[in-house]
Amino acid sequence: MSHFSQIKTQIRNLPSLKAALSDLGIDWKVGPCSVRGYRGQTQTAEVVVEQDNGYDVGFAWNGHEYELVADLQYWKQASSVDRFLSKITQRYAYHTIVNEGSQKGFQVAEQNTNQDGSIRLVLQRWSA
C-alpha cells in the first residue's frame, strides 16, 4: 500500500511552475525523476523537491494538471502543505498572467505587493 498522497492543483504549465519554485527559493530537479517515500517506495514526477530527511515532494502530471505528490507523514518544508501550495500557486498565477499577457502584446505597467501578500498587476498594451 502506497504512503503517497496526491493533492490536486490548478497547475498546468510546467515553465510557470518551475519559475514559481525558483522565485520562492525552492531547489528543484527537473524530471522525470523519482519522488522518494516510505520504505523505499517511489513515484515518478516531472519536478522533484528533495528534502533533508530523504523523502521528497514532487509535482506529477496526471493528464490534466500537476498534482503535488508526497508522503505527508515526512513533510519537512518550512510551511504547512496548504501554505506551501498557496505560495506556489500565487507565484504560478503571476508567471502565467505575465507570460500569457506578453504573448498577446501586453507589458507589466505596474506591480504592487499589498500588505496581505496579494499582488496587484496592471498590464498594458499600446496599439497603433
Protein backbone atom coordinates (compact mmCIF):
# COMPACT_ATOMS: atom_id res chain seq x y z
CA MET A 1 0.00 0.00 0.00
CA SER A 2 1.36 3.37 -1.01
CA HIS A 3 2.03 6.08 1.55
CA PHE A 4 1.94 8.76 -1.14
CA SER A 5 -0.72 11.42 -1.19
CA GLN A 6 -1.75 13.14 -4.41
CA ILE A 7 -3.09 16.65 -3.91
CA LYS A 8 -4.90 18.25 -6.82
CA THR A 9 -3.83 21.69 -8.01
CA GLN A 10 -4.77 24.04 -10.83
CA ILE A 11 -1.18 23.99 -12.14
CA ARG A 12 -0.98 23.08 -15.82
CA ASN A 13 2.02 25.00 -17.16
CA LEU A 14 5.40 23.46 -16.33
CA PRO A 15 7.59 26.53 -17.08
CA SER A 16 5.41 28.69 -14.79
CA LEU A 17 5.62 26.04 -12.05
CA LYS A 18 9.42 25.95 -12.30
CA ALA A 19 9.60 29.77 -12.23
CA ALA A 20 7.32 29.85 -9.16
CA LEU A 21 9.51 27.38 -7.28
CA SER A 22 12.64 29.36 -8.19
CA ASP A 23 11.02 32.65 -7.08
CA LEU A 24 10.39 31.11 -3.67
CA GLY A 25 14.00 29.93 -3.36
CA ILE A 26 12.99 26.27 -3.50
CA ASP A 27 15.63 24.00 -5.04
CA TRP A 28 14.10 21.57 -7.51
CA LYS A 29 15.16 18.95 -10.02
CA VAL A 30 13.58 18.53 -13.41
CA GLY A 31 12.27 15.08 -14.12
CA PRO A 32 11.02 12.74 -14.81
CA CYS A 33 12.61 11.52 -11.59
CA SER A 34 11.62 9.56 -8.55
CA VAL A 35 9.92 11.02 -5.51
CA ARG A 36 11.25 9.05 -2.54
CA GLY A 37 8.77 7.86 0.05
CA TYR A 38 8.23 5.44 2.92
CA ARG A 39 10.28 2.21 2.87
CA GLY A 40 11.91 2.94 -0.46
CA GLN A 41 8.65 3.47 -2.32
CA THR A 42 8.95 5.85 -5.26
CA GLN A 43 6.65 7.66 -7.61
CA THR A 44 7.65 9.44 -10.81
CA ALA A 45 7.22 13.21 -11.08
CA GLU A 46 8.19 15.92 -13.56
CA VAL A 47 9.54 18.21 -10.82
CA VAL A 48 11.06 17.00 -7.54
CA VAL A 49 11.97 18.93 -4.40
CA GLU A 50 14.40 16.92 -2.29
CA GLN A 51 14.11 17.18 1.49
CA ASP A 52 16.89 16.75 4.03
CA ASN A 53 15.15 13.76 5.60
CA GLY A 54 15.44 11.56 2.47
CA TYR A 55 11.78 11.94 1.47
CA ASP A 56 10.76 14.15 -1.44
CA VAL A 57 7.96 16.35 -2.66
CA GLY A 58 7.06 16.21 -6.33
CA PHE A 59 4.72 17.53 -8.96
CA ALA A 60 3.41 14.77 -11.22
CA TRP A 61 1.32 15.21 -14.37
CA ASN A 62 -1.98 13.32 -14.11
CA GLY A 63 -3.12 14.07 -17.65
CA HIS A 64 -4.89 17.30 -16.67
CA GLU A 65 -2.73 19.06 -14.08
CA TYR A 66 0.36 18.72 -11.91
CA GLU A 67 -0.56 17.10 -8.60
CA LEU A 68 1.55 17.54 -5.51
CA VAL A 69 2.91 14.09 -4.64
CA ALA A 70 4.45 13.41 -1.23
CA ASP A 71 4.44 11.13 1.77
CA LEU A 72 2.85 13.72 4.06
CA GLN A 73 3.97 11.86 7.17
CA TYR A 74 7.50 13.00 6.30
CA TRP A 75 6.67 16.57 5.20
CA LYS A 76 9.65 18.77 6.02
CA GLN A 77 9.08 22.13 4.37
CA ALA A 78 9.22 25.47 6.20
CA SER A 79 5.45 25.83 5.98
CA SER A 80 2.39 23.58 6.06
CA VAL A 81 1.24 21.78 2.92
CA ASP A 82 -1.61 24.28 2.44
CA ARG A 83 0.66 27.30 2.85
CA PHE A 84 3.33 25.74 0.61
CA LEU A 85 0.78 25.19 -2.17
CA SER A 86 -0.73 28.63 -1.64
CA LYS A 87 2.65 30.35 -2.10
CA ILE A 88 3.47 28.28 -5.19
CA THR A 89 0.01 28.87 -6.67
CA GLN A 90 0.33 32.64 -6.22
CA ARG A 91 3.72 32.78 -7.96
CA TYR A 92 2.47 30.34 -10.63
CA ALA A 93 -0.51 32.62 -11.34
CA TYR A 94 1.81 35.63 -11.54
CA HIS A 95 4.05 33.96 -14.13
CA THR A 96 1.09 32.61 -16.10
CA ILE A 97 -0.53 36.06 -16.32
CA VAL A 98 2.71 37.82 -17.29
CA ASN A 99 3.61 35.17 -19.90
CA GLU A 100 0.13 35.00 -21.44
CA GLY A 101 -0.09 38.79 -21.47
CA SER A 102 3.32 39.07 -23.10
CA GLN A 103 2.25 36.67 -25.86
CA LYS A 104 -0.71 38.98 -26.57
CA GLY A 105 1.45 42.12 -26.63
CA PHE A 106 0.91 43.30 -23.05
CA GLN A 107 3.64 44.55 -20.71
CA VAL A 108 3.66 44.93 -16.93
CA ALA A 109 2.95 48.62 -16.31
CA GLU A 110 2.58 48.43 -12.54
CA GLN A 111 3.15 45.84 -9.86
CA ASN A 112 2.46 46.21 -6.14
CA THR A 113 2.59 43.72 -3.30
CA ASN A 114 -0.13 44.51 -0.78
CA GLN A 115 0.17 44.17 2.99
CA ASP A 116 -1.84 40.94 2.91
CA GLY A 117 0.67 39.43 0.45
CA SER A 118 -1.58 39.71 -2.59
CA ILE A 119 -0.10 41.13 -5.78
CA ARG A 120 -1.71 43.84 -7.88
CA LEU A 121 -0.64 43.70 -11.52
CA VAL A 122 -1.50 46.22 -14.22
CA LEU A 123 -0.76 45.14 -17.78
CA GLN A 124 -0.96 47.49 -20.73
CA ARG A 125 -0.75 47.25 -24.48
CA TRP A 126 -0.21 50.10 -26.87
CA SER A 127 -1.97 49.90 -30.18
CA ALA A 128 -1.21 51.97 -33.24
